[in-house]
PDB file of N, CA and C in Angstrom:
ATOM      1  N   MET A   1     -14.358 187.351  -9.235  1.00  0.00           N
ATOM      2  CA  MET A   1     -14.885 186.671 -10.393  1.00  0.00           C
ATOM      3  C   MET A   1     -14.759 185.174 -10.161  1.00  0.00           C
ATOM      4  N   ARG A   2     -15.788 184.431 -10.553  1.00  0.00           N
ATOM      5  CA  ARG A   2     -15.767 182.974 -10.448  1.00  0.00           C
ATOM      6  C   ARG A   2     -15.890 182.360 -11.834  1.00  0.00           C
ATOM      7  N   VAL A   3     -15.056 181.361 -12.085  1.00  0.00           N
ATOM      8  CA  VAL A   3     -15.160 180.571 -13.310  1.00  0.00           C
ATOM      9  C   VAL A   3     -15.503 179.166 -12.851  1.00  0.00           C
ATOM     10  N   LEU A   4     -16.726 178.733 -13.155  1.00  0.00           N
ATOM     11  CA  LEU A   4     -17.215 177.452 -12.672  1.00  0.00           C
ATOM     12  C   LEU A   4     -17.512 176.520 -13.831  1.00  0.00           C
ATOM     13  N   GLY A   5     -17.440 175.238 -13.578  1.00  0.00           N
ATOM     14  CA  GLY A   5     -17.751 174.220 -14.564  1.00  0.00           C
ATOM     15  C   GLY A   5     -17.102 172.914 -14.171  1.00  0.00           C
ATOM     16  N   ARG A   6     -17.596 171.837 -14.718  1.00  0.00           N
ATOM     17  CA  ARG A   6     -17.033 170.517 -14.416  1.00  0.00           C
ATOM     18  C   ARG A   6     -15.651 170.340 -15.044  1.00  0.00           C
ATOM     19  N   ALA A   7     -15.502 170.813 -16.281  1.00  0.00           N
ATOM     20  CA  ALA A   7     -14.220 170.757 -16.998  1.00  0.00           C
ATOM     21  C   ALA A   7     -13.964 172.152 -17.565  1.00  0.00           C
ATOM     22  N   ILE A   8     -12.943 172.828 -17.070  1.00  0.00           N
ATOM     23  CA  ILE A   8     -12.637 174.192 -17.483  1.00  0.00           C
ATOM     24  C   ILE A   8     -11.387 174.170 -18.354  1.00  0.00           C
ATOM     25  N   THR A   9     -11.479 174.797 -19.532  1.00  0.00           N
ATOM     26  CA  THR A   9     -10.353 174.909 -20.442  1.00  0.00           C
ATOM     27  C   THR A   9     -10.174 176.371 -20.810  1.00  0.00           C
ATOM     28  N   LEU A  10      -8.987 176.907 -20.528  1.00  0.00           N
ATOM     29  CA  LEU A  10      -8.660 178.279 -20.896  1.00  0.00           C
ATOM     30  C   LEU A  10      -7.653 178.216 -22.023  1.00  0.00           C
ATOM     31  N   GLY A  11      -8.095 178.588 -23.203  1.00  0.00           N
ATOM     32  CA  GLY A  11      -7.303 178.405 -24.395  1.00  0.00           C
ATOM     33  C   GLY A  11      -6.275 179.481 -24.648  1.00  0.00           C
ATOM     34  N   GLU A  12      -5.610 179.317 -25.760  1.00  0.00           N
ATOM     35  CA  GLU A  12      -4.536 180.176 -26.219  1.00  0.00           C
ATOM     36  C   GLU A  12      -4.969 181.636 -26.279  1.00  0.00           C
ATOM     37  N   ASP A  13      -4.107 182.518 -25.771  1.00  0.00           N
ATOM     38  CA  ASP A  13      -4.289 183.970 -25.817  1.00  0.00           C
ATOM     39  C   ASP A  13      -5.461 184.488 -24.984  1.00  0.00           C
ATOM     40  N   LEU A  14      -6.047 183.664 -24.118  1.00  0.00           N
ATOM     41  CA  LEU A  14      -7.116 184.115 -23.244  1.00  0.00           C
ATOM     42  C   LEU A  14      -6.526 184.964 -22.125  1.00  0.00           C
ATOM     43  N   LEU A  15      -7.188 186.066 -21.799  1.00  0.00           N
ATOM     44  CA  LEU A  15      -6.783 186.931 -20.702  1.00  0.00           C
ATOM     45  C   LEU A  15      -7.968 187.122 -19.776  1.00  0.00           C
ATOM     46  N   ILE A  16      -7.764 186.817 -18.486  1.00  0.00           N
ATOM     47  CA  ILE A  16      -8.730 187.177 -17.450  1.00  0.00           C
ATOM     48  C   ILE A  16      -7.978 188.084 -16.495  1.00  0.00           C
ATOM     49  N   ASP A  17      -8.462 189.325 -16.353  1.00  0.00           N
ATOM     50  CA  ASP A  17      -7.746 190.338 -15.585  1.00  0.00           C
ATOM     51  C   ASP A  17      -8.680 190.958 -14.552  1.00  0.00           C
ATOM     52  N   VAL A  18      -8.416 190.691 -13.269  1.00  0.00           N
ATOM     53  CA  VAL A  18      -9.190 191.272 -12.174  1.00  0.00           C
ATOM     54  C   VAL A  18      -8.319 192.253 -11.382  1.00  0.00           C
ATOM     55  N   SER A  19      -7.375 192.863 -12.072  1.00  0.00           N
ATOM     56  CA  SER A  19      -6.468 193.825 -11.459  1.00  0.00           C
ATOM     57  C   SER A  19      -7.199 195.133 -11.180  1.00  0.00           C
ATOM     58  N   GLY A  20      -6.628 195.915 -10.255  1.00  0.00           N
ATOM     59  CA  GLY A  20      -7.177 197.221  -9.946  1.00  0.00           C
ATOM     60  C   GLY A  20      -6.072 198.171  -9.532  1.00  0.00           C
ATOM     61  N   ALA A  21      -6.311 199.467  -9.667  1.00  0.00           N
ATOM     62  CA  ALA A  21      -5.297 200.469  -9.345  1.00  0.00           C
ATOM     63  C   ALA A  21      -4.908 200.439  -7.870  1.00  0.00           C
ATOM     64  N   THR A  22      -5.849 200.164  -6.975  1.00  0.00           N
ATOM     65  CA  THR A  22      -5.566 200.192  -5.539  1.00  0.00           C
ATOM     66  C   THR A  22      -5.583 198.816  -4.898  1.00  0.00           C
ATOM     67  N   GLY A  23      -5.535 197.769  -5.690  1.00  0.00           N
ATOM     68  CA  GLY A  23      -5.467 196.403  -5.163  1.00  0.00           C
ATOM     69  C   GLY A  23      -5.994 195.412  -6.173  1.00  0.00           C
ATOM     70  N   GLY A  24      -5.436 194.220  -6.118  1.00  0.00           N
ATOM     71  CA  GLY A  24      -5.882 193.163  -7.021  1.00  0.00           C
ATOM     72  C   GLY A  24      -7.222 192.597  -6.577  1.00  0.00           C
ATOM     73  N   GLY A  25      -7.950 192.050  -7.503  1.00  0.00           N
ATOM     74  CA  GLY A  25      -9.241 191.447  -7.215  1.00  0.00           C
ATOM     75  C   GLY A  25      -9.103 189.972  -6.888  1.00  0.00           C
ATOM     76  N   THR A  26     -10.232 189.275  -6.963  1.00  0.00           N
ATOM     77  CA  THR A  26     -10.281 187.847  -6.664  1.00  0.00           C
ATOM     78  C   THR A  26     -10.745 187.087  -7.897  1.00  0.00           C
ATOM     79  N   LEU A  27     -10.007 186.045  -8.251  1.00  0.00           N
ATOM     80  CA  LEU A  27     -10.368 185.151  -9.345  1.00  0.00           C
ATOM     81  C   LEU A  27     -10.353 183.729  -8.819  1.00  0.00           C
ATOM     82  N   LEU A  28     -11.516 183.093  -8.791  1.00  0.00           N
ATOM     83  CA  LEU A  28     -11.655 181.710  -8.337  1.00  0.00           C
ATOM     84  C   LEU A  28     -12.008 180.856  -9.537  1.00  0.00           C
ATOM     85  N   MET A  29     -11.103 179.986  -9.918  1.00  0.00           N
ATOM     86  CA  MET A  29     -11.302 179.137 -11.073  1.00  0.00           C
ATOM     87  C   MET A  29     -11.367 177.677 -10.639  1.00  0.00           C
ATOM     88  N   GLY A  30     -12.550 177.093 -10.706  1.00  0.00           N
ATOM     89  CA  GLY A  30     -12.712 175.683 -10.367  1.00  0.00           C
ATOM     90  C   GLY A  30     -13.018 175.410  -8.914  1.00  0.00           C
ATOM     91  N   GLY A  31     -12.769 176.359  -8.038  1.00  0.00           N
ATOM     92  CA  GLY A  31     -13.005 176.199  -6.605  1.00  0.00           C
ATOM     93  C   GLY A  31     -12.311 177.306  -5.847  1.00  0.00           C
ATOM     94  N   ASP A  32     -12.457 177.284  -4.532  1.00  0.00           N
ATOM     95  CA  ASP A  32     -11.821 178.281  -3.679  1.00  0.00           C
ATOM     96  C   ASP A  32     -10.632 177.647  -2.962  1.00  0.00           C
ATOM     97  N   LEU A  33     -10.084 178.316  -2.001  1.00  0.00           N
ATOM     98  CA  LEU A  33      -8.891 177.904  -1.286  1.00  0.00           C
ATOM     99  C   LEU A  33      -8.964 176.453  -0.836  1.00  0.00           C
ATOM    100  N   GLN A  34      -7.982 175.652  -1.246  1.00  0.00           N
ATOM    101  CA  GLN A  34      -7.829 174.238  -0.908  1.00  0.00           C
ATOM    102  C   GLN A  34      -9.100 173.422  -1.156  1.00  0.00           C
ATOM    103  N   GLY A  35      -9.828 173.797  -2.205  1.00  0.00           N
ATOM    104  CA  GLY A  35     -10.980 173.016  -2.629  1.00  0.00           C
ATOM    105  C   GLY A  35     -12.305 173.405  -2.020  1.00  0.00           C
ATOM    106  N   ALA A  36     -12.342 174.471  -1.230  1.00  0.00           N
ATOM    107  CA  ALA A  36     -13.630 174.933  -0.703  1.00  0.00           C
ATOM    108  C   ALA A  36     -14.510 175.350  -1.875  1.00  0.00           C
ATOM    109  N   SER A  37     -15.805 175.258  -1.714  1.00  0.00           N
ATOM    110  CA  SER A  37     -16.737 175.613  -2.774  1.00  0.00           C
ATOM    111  C   SER A  37     -16.646 177.097  -3.106  1.00  0.00           C
ATOM    112  N   ALA A  38     -16.710 177.411  -4.390  1.00  0.00           N
ATOM    113  CA  ALA A  38     -16.702 178.800  -4.861  1.00  0.00           C
ATOM    114  C   ALA A  38     -18.102 179.236  -5.265  1.00  0.00           C
ATOM    115  N   GLY A  39     -19.119 178.625  -4.664  1.00  0.00           N
ATOM    116  CA  GLY A  39     -20.489 178.996  -4.979  1.00  0.00           C
ATOM    117  C   GLY A  39     -21.157 178.064  -5.967  1.00  0.00           C
ATOM    118  N   GLY A  40     -20.545 176.974  -6.253  1.00  0.00           N
ATOM    119  CA  GLY A  40     -21.077 175.967  -7.165  1.00  0.00           C
ATOM    120  C   GLY A  40     -20.216 174.740  -7.039  1.00  0.00           C
ATOM    121  N   PRO A  41     -20.485 173.709  -7.825  1.00  0.00           N
ATOM    122  CA  PRO A  41     -19.637 172.510  -7.745  1.00  0.00           C
ATOM    123  C   PRO A  41     -18.221 172.809  -8.234  1.00  0.00           C
ATOM    124  N   ASN A  42     -17.239 172.197  -7.598  1.00  0.00           N
ATOM    125  CA  ASN A  42     -15.853 172.361  -8.025  1.00  0.00           C
ATOM    126  C   ASN A  42     -15.618 171.682  -9.365  1.00  0.00           C
ATOM    127  N   ALA A  43     -14.625 172.202 -10.077  1.00  0.00           N
ATOM    128  CA  ALA A  43     -14.221 171.584 -11.338  1.00  0.00           C
ATOM    129  C   ALA A  43     -13.533 170.253 -11.068  1.00  0.00           C
ATOM    130  N   GLN A  44     -13.735 169.317 -11.949  1.00  0.00           N
ATOM    131  CA  GLN A  44     -12.999 168.053 -11.895  1.00  0.00           C
ATOM    132  C   GLN A  44     -11.650 168.208 -12.580  1.00  0.00           C
ATOM    133  N   THR A  45     -11.637 168.945 -13.691  1.00  0.00           N
ATOM    134  CA  THR A  45     -10.402 169.197 -14.424  1.00  0.00           C
ATOM    135  C   THR A  45     -10.308 170.666 -14.810  1.00  0.00           C
ATOM    136  N   VAL A  46      -9.071 171.174 -14.805  1.00  0.00           N
ATOM    137  CA  VAL A  46      -8.791 172.532 -15.273  1.00  0.00           C
ATOM    138  C   VAL A  46      -7.536 172.461 -16.134  1.00  0.00           C
ATOM    139  N   TRP A  47      -7.591 173.111 -17.272  1.00  0.00           N
ATOM    140  CA  TRP A  47      -6.440 173.211 -18.162  1.00  0.00           C
ATOM    141  C   TRP A  47      -6.267 174.674 -18.545  1.00  0.00           C
ATOM    142  N   VAL A  48      -5.076 175.222 -18.284  1.00  0.00           N
ATOM    143  CA  VAL A  48      -4.742 176.596 -18.629  1.00  0.00           C
ATOM    144  C   VAL A  48      -3.609 176.549 -19.652  1.00  0.00           C
ATOM    145  N   ASP A  49      -3.899 176.999 -20.861  1.00  0.00           N
ATOM    146  CA  ASP A  49      -2.933 176.982 -21.959  1.00  0.00           C
ATOM    147  C   ASP A  49      -1.708 177.830 -21.632  1.00  0.00           C
ATOM    148  N   ALA A  50      -0.576 177.487 -22.219  1.00  0.00           N
ATOM    149  CA  ALA A  50       0.684 178.205 -21.998  1.00  0.00           C
ATOM    150  C   ALA A  50       0.609 179.670 -22.417  1.00  0.00           C
ATOM    151  N   LYS A  51      -0.293 180.002 -23.331  1.00  0.00           N
ATOM    152  CA  LYS A  51      -0.420 181.383 -23.788  1.00  0.00           C
ATOM    153  C   LYS A  51      -1.581 182.122 -23.122  1.00  0.00           C
ATOM    154  N   ALA A  52      -2.198 181.520 -22.118  1.00  0.00           N
ATOM    155  CA  ALA A  52      -3.266 182.177 -21.359  1.00  0.00           C
ATOM    156  C   ALA A  52      -2.647 182.969 -20.206  1.00  0.00           C
ATOM    157  N   THR A  53      -3.328 184.060 -19.809  1.00  0.00           N
ATOM    158  CA  THR A  53      -2.849 184.912 -18.730  1.00  0.00           C
ATOM    159  C   THR A  53      -3.975 185.180 -17.740  1.00  0.00           C
ATOM    160  N   LEU A  54      -3.679 184.995 -16.447  1.00  0.00           N
ATOM    161  CA  LEU A  54      -4.610 185.299 -15.362  1.00  0.00           C
ATOM    162  C   LEU A  54      -3.929 186.324 -14.468  1.00  0.00           C
ATOM    163  N   ARG A  55      -4.590 187.476 -14.241  1.00  0.00           N
ATOM    164  CA  ARG A  55      -3.981 188.555 -13.457  1.00  0.00           C
ATOM    165  C   ARG A  55      -4.902 189.011 -12.331  1.00  0.00           C
ATOM    166  N   ALA A  56      -4.290 189.233 -11.156  1.00  0.00           N
ATOM    167  CA  ALA A  56      -4.977 189.825 -10.007  1.00  0.00           C
ATOM    168  C   ALA A  56      -4.009 190.802  -9.347  1.00  0.00           C
ATOM    169  N   ASP A  57      -3.516 191.743 -10.133  1.00  0.00           N
ATOM    170  CA  ASP A  57      -2.464 192.657  -9.701  1.00  0.00           C
ATOM    171  C   ASP A  57      -3.033 193.967  -9.156  1.00  0.00           C
ATOM    172  N   ALA A  58      -2.268 194.611  -8.290  1.00  0.00           N
ATOM    173  CA  ALA A  58      -2.480 196.019  -7.968  1.00  0.00           C
ATOM    174  C   ALA A  58      -1.655 196.792  -8.989  1.00  0.00           C
ATOM    175  N   THR A  59      -2.271 197.617  -9.784  1.00  0.00           N
ATOM    176  CA  THR A  59      -1.537 198.263 -10.870  1.00  0.00           C
ATOM    177  C   THR A  59      -0.833 199.542 -10.452  1.00  0.00           C
ATOM    178  N   ARG A  60      -1.281 200.173  -9.341  1.00  0.00           N
ATOM    179  CA  ARG A  60      -0.625 201.397  -8.886  1.00  0.00           C
ATOM    180  C   ARG A  60      -0.099 201.229  -7.462  1.00  0.00           C
ATOM    181  N   GLN A  61      -0.998 201.175  -6.501  1.00  0.00           N
ATOM    182  CA  GLN A  61      -0.593 201.035  -5.096  1.00  0.00           C
ATOM    183  C   GLN A  61      -1.617 200.143  -4.398  1.00  0.00           C
ATOM    184  N   GLY A  62      -1.115 199.169  -3.661  1.00  0.00           N
ATOM    185  CA  GLY A  62      -1.996 198.247  -2.954  1.00  0.00           C
ATOM    186  C   GLY A  62      -1.476 196.831  -3.086  1.00  0.00           C
ATOM    187  N   ASP A  63      -2.153 195.939  -2.402  1.00  0.00           N
ATOM    188  CA  ASP A  63      -1.740 194.539  -2.385  1.00  0.00           C
ATOM    189  C   ASP A  63      -2.278 193.791  -3.601  1.00  0.00           C
ATOM    190  N   GLY A  64      -1.526 192.775  -4.007  1.00  0.00           N
ATOM    191  CA  GLY A  64      -2.004 191.876  -5.043  1.00  0.00           C
ATOM    192  C   GLY A  64      -3.229 191.130  -4.547  1.00  0.00           C
ATOM    193  N   GLY A  65      -3.987 190.566  -5.440  1.00  0.00           N
ATOM    194  CA  GLY A  65      -5.238 189.910  -5.092  1.00  0.00           C
ATOM    195  C   GLY A  65      -5.099 188.426  -4.801  1.00  0.00           C
ATOM    196  N   LYS A  66      -6.210 187.723  -4.985  1.00  0.00           N
ATOM    197  CA  LYS A  66      -6.313 186.290  -4.710  1.00  0.00           C
ATOM    198  C   LYS A  66      -6.659 185.591  -6.022  1.00  0.00           C
ATOM    199  N   LEU A  67      -5.824 184.626  -6.408  1.00  0.00           N
ATOM    200  CA  LEU A  67      -6.017 183.909  -7.656  1.00  0.00           C
ATOM    201  C   LEU A  67      -5.923 182.405  -7.352  1.00  0.00           C
ATOM    202  N   ILE A  68      -7.030 181.694  -7.535  1.00  0.00           N
ATOM    203  CA  ILE A  68      -7.085 180.261  -7.241  1.00  0.00           C
ATOM    204  C   ILE A  68      -7.393 179.500  -8.528  1.00  0.00           C
ATOM    205  N   VAL A  69      -6.597 178.469  -8.811  1.00  0.00           N
ATOM    206  CA  VAL A  69      -6.901 177.503  -9.870  1.00  0.00           C
ATOM    207  C   VAL A  69      -6.963 176.145  -9.188  1.00  0.00           C
ATOM    208  N   TRP A  70      -8.174 175.574  -9.118  1.00  0.00           N
ATOM    209  CA  TRP A  70      -8.403 174.335  -8.364  1.00  0.00           C
ATOM    210  C   TRP A  70      -9.127 173.312  -9.230  1.00  0.00           C
ATOM    211  N   ALA A  71      -8.768 172.034  -9.047  1.00  0.00           N
ATOM    212  CA  ALA A  71      -9.513 170.929  -9.649  1.00  0.00           C
ATOM    213  C   ALA A  71      -9.581 169.787  -8.648  1.00  0.00           C
ATOM    214  N   ASP A  72     -10.749 169.187  -8.517  1.00  0.00           N
ATOM    215  CA  ASP A  72     -10.901 168.036  -7.626  1.00  0.00           C
ATOM    216  C   ASP A  72     -10.110 166.830  -8.131  1.00  0.00           C
ATOM    217  N   ASP A  73      -9.853 166.767  -9.437  1.00  0.00           N
ATOM    218  CA  ASP A  73      -9.081 165.670 -10.005  1.00  0.00           C
ATOM    219  C   ASP A  73      -7.748 166.180 -10.541  1.00  0.00           C
ATOM    220  N   THR A  74      -7.747 166.754 -11.753  1.00  0.00           N
ATOM    221  CA  THR A  74      -6.504 167.107 -12.438  1.00  0.00           C
ATOM    222  C   THR A  74      -6.471 168.574 -12.838  1.00  0.00           C
ATOM    223  N   ALA A  75      -5.382 169.255 -12.477  1.00  0.00           N
ATOM    224  CA  ALA A  75      -5.143 170.637 -12.911  1.00  0.00           C
ATOM    225  C   ALA A  75      -3.841 170.668 -13.702  1.00  0.00           C
ATOM    226  N   ARG A  76      -3.923 171.210 -14.902  1.00  0.00           N
ATOM    227  CA  ARG A  76      -2.743 171.410 -15.750  1.00  0.00           C
ATOM    228  C   ARG A  76      -2.651 172.908 -16.010  1.00  0.00           C
ATOM    229  N   VAL A  77      -1.673 173.534 -15.363  1.00  0.00           N
ATOM    230  CA  VAL A  77      -1.557 174.990 -15.392  1.00  0.00           C
ATOM    231  C   VAL A  77      -0.242 175.354 -16.067  1.00  0.00           C
ATOM    232  N   HIS A  78      -0.355 175.889 -17.282  1.00  0.00           N
ATOM    233  CA  HIS A  78       0.828 176.205 -18.078  1.00  0.00           C
ATOM    234  C   HIS A  78       0.936 177.693 -18.389  1.00  0.00           C
ATOM    235  N   GLY A  79      -0.071 178.473 -18.044  1.00  0.00           N
ATOM    236  CA  GLY A  79      -0.109 179.891 -18.390  1.00  0.00           C
ATOM    237  C   GLY A  79       0.612 180.783 -17.401  1.00  0.00           C
ATOM    238  N   HIS A  80       0.440 182.073 -17.598  1.00  0.00           N
ATOM    239  CA  HIS A  80       1.099 183.120 -16.812  1.00  0.00           C
ATOM    240  C   HIS A  80       0.113 183.625 -15.763  1.00  0.00           C
ATOM    241  N   LEU A  81       0.402 183.394 -14.470  1.00  0.00           N
ATOM    242  CA  LEU A  81      -0.455 183.792 -13.362  1.00  0.00           C
ATOM    243  C   LEU A  81       0.256 184.827 -12.512  1.00  0.00           C
ATOM    244  N   THR A  82      -0.431 185.964 -12.225  1.00  0.00           N
ATOM    245  CA  THR A  82       0.169 187.007 -11.405  1.00  0.00           C
ATOM    246  C   THR A  82      -0.823 187.564 -10.394  1.00  0.00           C
ATOM    247  N   ALA A  83      -0.294 187.916  -9.220  1.00  0.00           N
ATOM    248  CA  ALA A  83      -1.021 188.638  -8.174  1.00  0.00           C
ATOM    249  C   ALA A  83      -0.001 189.562  -7.512  1.00  0.00           C
ATOM    250  N   ARG A  84       0.472 190.520  -8.277  1.00  0.00           N
ATOM    251  CA  ARG A  84       1.585 191.381  -7.857  1.00  0.00           C
ATOM    252  C   ARG A  84       1.110 192.593  -7.069  1.00  0.00           C
ATOM    253  N   GLY A  85       1.971 193.026  -6.145  1.00  0.00           N
ATOM    254  CA  GLY A  85       1.735 194.277  -5.425  1.00  0.00           C
ATOM    255  C   GLY A  85       1.992 195.457  -6.332  1.00  0.00           C
ATOM    256  N   GLY A  86       1.454 196.612  -5.942  1.00  0.00           N
ATOM    257  CA  GLY A  86       1.553 197.813  -6.767  1.00  0.00           C
ATOM    258  C   GLY A  86       2.958 198.362  -6.911  1.00  0.00           C
ATOM    259  N   ALA A  87       3.204 199.041  -8.012  1.00  0.00           N
ATOM    260  CA  ALA A  87       4.515 199.626  -8.292  1.00  0.00           C
ATOM    261  C   ALA A  87       4.873 200.725  -7.294  1.00  0.00           C
ATOM    262  N   GLU A  88       3.864 201.372  -6.695  1.00  0.00           N
ATOM    263  CA  GLU A  88       4.105 202.457  -5.738  1.00  0.00           C
ATOM    264  C   GLU A  88       3.992 201.996  -4.290  1.00  0.00           C
ATOM    265  N   GLY A  89       3.739 200.713  -4.067  1.00  0.00           N
ATOM    266  CA  GLY A  89       3.635 200.187  -2.706  1.00  0.00           C
ATOM    267  C   GLY A  89       2.556 199.135  -2.604  1.00  0.00           C
ATOM    268  N   GLY A  90       2.732 198.235  -1.664  1.00  0.00           N
ATOM    269  CA  GLY A  90       1.788 197.146  -1.459  1.00  0.00           C
ATOM    270  C   GLY A  90       2.502 195.811  -1.532  1.00  0.00           C
ATOM    271  N   ASP A  91       1.890 194.825  -0.923  1.00  0.00           N
ATOM    272  CA  ASP A  91       2.465 193.484  -0.877  1.00  0.00           C
ATOM    273  C   ASP A  91       1.910 192.600  -1.987  1.00  0.00           C
ATOM    274  N   GLY A  92       2.632 191.535  -2.276  1.00  0.00           N
ATOM    275  CA  GLY A  92       2.165 190.562  -3.249  1.00  0.00           C
ATOM    276  C   GLY A  92       0.931 189.838  -2.726  1.00  0.00           C
ATOM    277  N   GLY A  93       0.173 189.260  -3.613  1.00  0.00           N
ATOM    278  CA  GLY A  93      -1.075 188.596  -3.251  1.00  0.00           C
ATOM    279  C   GLY A  93      -0.907 187.114  -2.969  1.00  0.00           C
ATOM    280  N   PHE A  94      -1.991 186.372  -3.206  1.00  0.00           N
ATOM    281  CA  PHE A  94      -2.024 184.939  -2.925  1.00  0.00           C
ATOM    282  C   PHE A  94      -2.452 184.196  -4.180  1.00  0.00           C
ATOM    283  N   ILE A  95      -1.658 183.182  -4.555  1.00  0.00           N
ATOM    284  CA  ILE A  95      -1.966 182.341  -5.714  1.00  0.00           C
ATOM    285  C   ILE A  95      -1.948 180.894  -5.262  1.00  0.00           C
ATOM    286  N   GLU A  96      -2.975 180.139  -5.655  1.00  0.00           N
ATOM    287  CA  GLU A  96      -2.981 178.692  -5.435  1.00  0.00           C
ATOM    288  C   GLU A  96      -3.208 177.998  -6.770  1.00  0.00           C
ATOM    289  N   THR A  97      -2.384 177.005  -7.062  1.00  0.00           N
ATOM    290  CA  THR A  97      -2.580 176.119  -8.208  1.00  0.00           C
ATOM    291  C   THR A  97      -2.581 174.705  -7.649  1.00  0.00           C
ATOM    292  N   SER A  98      -3.741 174.058  -7.680  1.00  0.00           N
ATOM    293  CA  SER A  98      -3.860 172.745  -7.045  1.00  0.00           C
ATOM    294  C   SER A  98      -4.770 171.813  -7.824  1.00  0.00           C
ATOM    295  N   GLY A  99      -4.350 170.565  -7.888  1.00  0.00           N
ATOM    296  CA  GLY A  99      -5.171 169.467  -8.351  1.00  0.00           C
ATOM    297  C   GLY A  99      -5.169 168.429  -7.239  1.00  0.00           C
ATOM    298  N   LYS A 100      -6.326 168.052  -6.782  1.00  0.00           N
ATOM    299  CA  LYS A 100      -6.399 167.138  -5.637  1.00  0.00           C
ATOM    300  C   LYS A 100      -5.715 165.806  -5.925  1.00  0.00           C
ATOM    301  N   ARG A 101      -5.873 165.303  -7.155  1.00  0.00           N
ATOM    302  CA  ARG A 101      -5.258 164.029  -7.533  1.00  0.00           C
ATOM    303  C   ARG A 101      -3.961 164.218  -8.313  1.00  0.00           C
ATOM    304  N   PHE A 102      -3.950 165.193  -9.232  1.00  0.00           N
ATOM    305  CA  PHE A 102      -2.779 165.397 -10.096  1.00  0.00           C
ATOM    306  C   PHE A 102      -2.638 166.874 -10.429  1.00  0.00           C
ATOM    307  N   LEU A 103      -1.399 167.367 -10.386  1.00  0.00           N
ATOM    308  CA  LEU A 103      -1.096 168.748 -10.732  1.00  0.00           C
ATOM    309  C   LEU A 103       0.122 168.792 -11.641  1.00  0.00           C
ATOM    310  N   ALA A 104       0.007 169.529 -12.741  1.00  0.00           N
ATOM    311  CA  ALA A 104       1.142 169.809 -13.624  1.00  0.00           C
ATOM    312  C   ALA A 104       1.232 171.321 -13.781  1.00  0.00           C
ATOM    313  N   VAL A 105       2.382 171.885 -13.431  1.00  0.00           N
ATOM    314  CA  VAL A 105       2.639 173.313 -13.574  1.00  0.00           C
ATOM    315  C   VAL A 105       3.959 173.459 -14.312  1.00  0.00           C
ATOM    316  N   THR A 106       3.976 174.287 -15.368  1.00  0.00           N
ATOM    317  CA  THR A 106       5.197 174.438 -16.149  1.00  0.00           C
ATOM    318  C   THR A 106       5.773 175.851 -16.118  1.00  0.00           C
ATOM    319  N   ARG A 107       5.130 176.756 -15.372  1.00  0.00           N
ATOM    320  CA  ARG A 107       5.634 178.129 -15.260  1.00  0.00           C
ATOM    321  C   ARG A 107       5.360 178.621 -13.840  1.00  0.00           C
ATOM    322  N   ALA A 108       6.350 179.265 -13.252  1.00  0.00           N
ATOM    323  CA  ALA A 108       6.184 179.789 -11.897  1.00  0.00           C
ATOM    324  C   ALA A 108       5.178 180.941 -11.889  1.00  0.00           C
ATOM    325  N   ALA A 109       4.340 180.961 -10.877  1.00  0.00           N
ATOM    326  CA  ALA A 109       3.418 182.071 -10.669  1.00  0.00           C
ATOM    327  C   ALA A 109       4.186 183.250 -10.081  1.00  0.00           C
ATOM    328  N   ASP A 110       3.635 184.466 -10.217  1.00  0.00           N
ATOM    329  CA  ASP A 110       4.328 185.679  -9.769  1.00  0.00           C
ATOM    330  C   ASP A 110       3.460 186.433  -8.765  1.00  0.00           C
ATOM    331  N   ALA A 111       3.860 186.402  -7.494  1.00  0.00           N
ATOM    332  CA  ALA A 111       3.198 187.167  -6.432  1.00  0.00           C
ATOM    333  C   ALA A 111       4.195 188.157  -5.834  1.00  0.00           C
ATOM    334  N   SER A 112       4.996 188.748  -6.674  1.00  0.00           N
ATOM    335  CA  SER A 112       6.049 189.663  -6.236  1.00  0.00           C
ATOM    336  C   SER A 112       5.470 191.036  -5.892  1.00  0.00           C
ATOM    337  N   ALA A 113       6.328 191.858  -5.294  1.00  0.00           N
ATOM    338  CA  ALA A 113       5.947 193.223  -4.931  1.00  0.00           C
ATOM    339  C   ALA A 113       7.197 194.098  -4.971  1.00  0.00           C
ATOM    340  N   PRO A 114       7.295 195.017  -5.928  1.00  0.00           N
ATOM    341  CA  PRO A 114       8.501 195.818  -6.049  1.00  0.00           C
ATOM    342  C   PRO A 114       8.761 196.741  -4.852  1.00  0.00           C
ATOM    343  N   GLN A 115       7.708 197.127  -4.122  1.00  0.00           N
ATOM    344  CA  GLN A 115       7.855 198.047  -2.992  1.00  0.00           C
ATOM    345  C   GLN A 115       7.341 197.450  -1.690  1.00  0.00           C
ATOM    346  N   GLY A 116       7.133 196.136  -1.633  1.00  0.00           N
ATOM    347  CA  GLY A 116       6.598 195.509  -0.423  1.00  0.00           C
ATOM    348  C   GLY A 116       7.082 194.080  -0.285  1.00  0.00           C
ATOM    349  N   LYS A 117       6.357 193.327   0.517  1.00  0.00           N
ATOM    350  CA  LYS A 117       6.689 191.918   0.756  1.00  0.00           C
ATOM    351  C   LYS A 117       6.101 191.052  -0.353  1.00  0.00           C
ATOM    352  N   ALA A 118       6.851 190.014  -0.710  1.00  0.00           N
ATOM    353  CA  ALA A 118       6.355 189.061  -1.703  1.00  0.00           C
ATOM    354  C   ALA A 118       5.145 188.314  -1.130  1.00  0.00           C
ATOM    355  N   GLY A 119       4.265 187.911  -2.007  1.00  0.00           N
ATOM    356  CA  GLY A 119       3.084 187.164  -1.601  1.00  0.00           C
ATOM    357  C   GLY A 119       3.369 185.678  -1.519  1.00  0.00           C
ATOM    358  N   THR A 120       2.317 184.875  -1.640  1.00  0.00           N
ATOM    359  CA  THR A 120       2.404 183.427  -1.437  1.00  0.00           C
ATOM    360  C   THR A 120       1.896 182.699  -2.677  1.00  0.00           C
ATOM    361  N   TRP A 121       2.602 181.622  -3.027  1.00  0.00           N
ATOM    362  CA  TRP A 121       2.137 180.700  -4.072  1.00  0.00           C
ATOM    363  C   TRP A 121       2.022 179.341  -3.432  1.00  0.00           C
ATOM    364  N   LEU A 122       0.818 178.819  -3.357  1.00  0.00           N
ATOM    365  CA  LEU A 122       0.529 177.513  -2.780  1.00  0.00           C
ATOM    366  C   LEU A 122       0.318 176.506  -3.894  1.00  0.00           C
ATOM    367  N   LEU A 123       1.069 175.408  -3.829  1.00  0.00           N
ATOM    368  CA  LEU A 123       0.925 174.309  -4.789  1.00  0.00           C
ATOM    369  C   LEU A 123       0.281 173.137  -4.088  1.00  0.00           C
TER     370      LEU A 123
END
């Protein structure tokens, strides 16, 4: 799933869930890995409310997915981000929270895996 726009705001109680039973999906918000294009222009600003949730989990067995929050200028990420491995097996996924000029993060992302290796969180 891609969320594109010049200024992206994810408000209170918003849930975007690309989880799956056999592996997490992909959520690209504002851009792709380290600012690569996600199929359109990158966001200049991204704001994720503290009560917003973004999930790319494996819900049963499999690896966590890929969750990117990118802004060419400023990213303020305060919500709950997960790319967890499955409860029955699988490794944690990959999460990136980046602002090219400025980044504010107030909650740790979760790329854990109860039955596998932890994933990666790139800031």
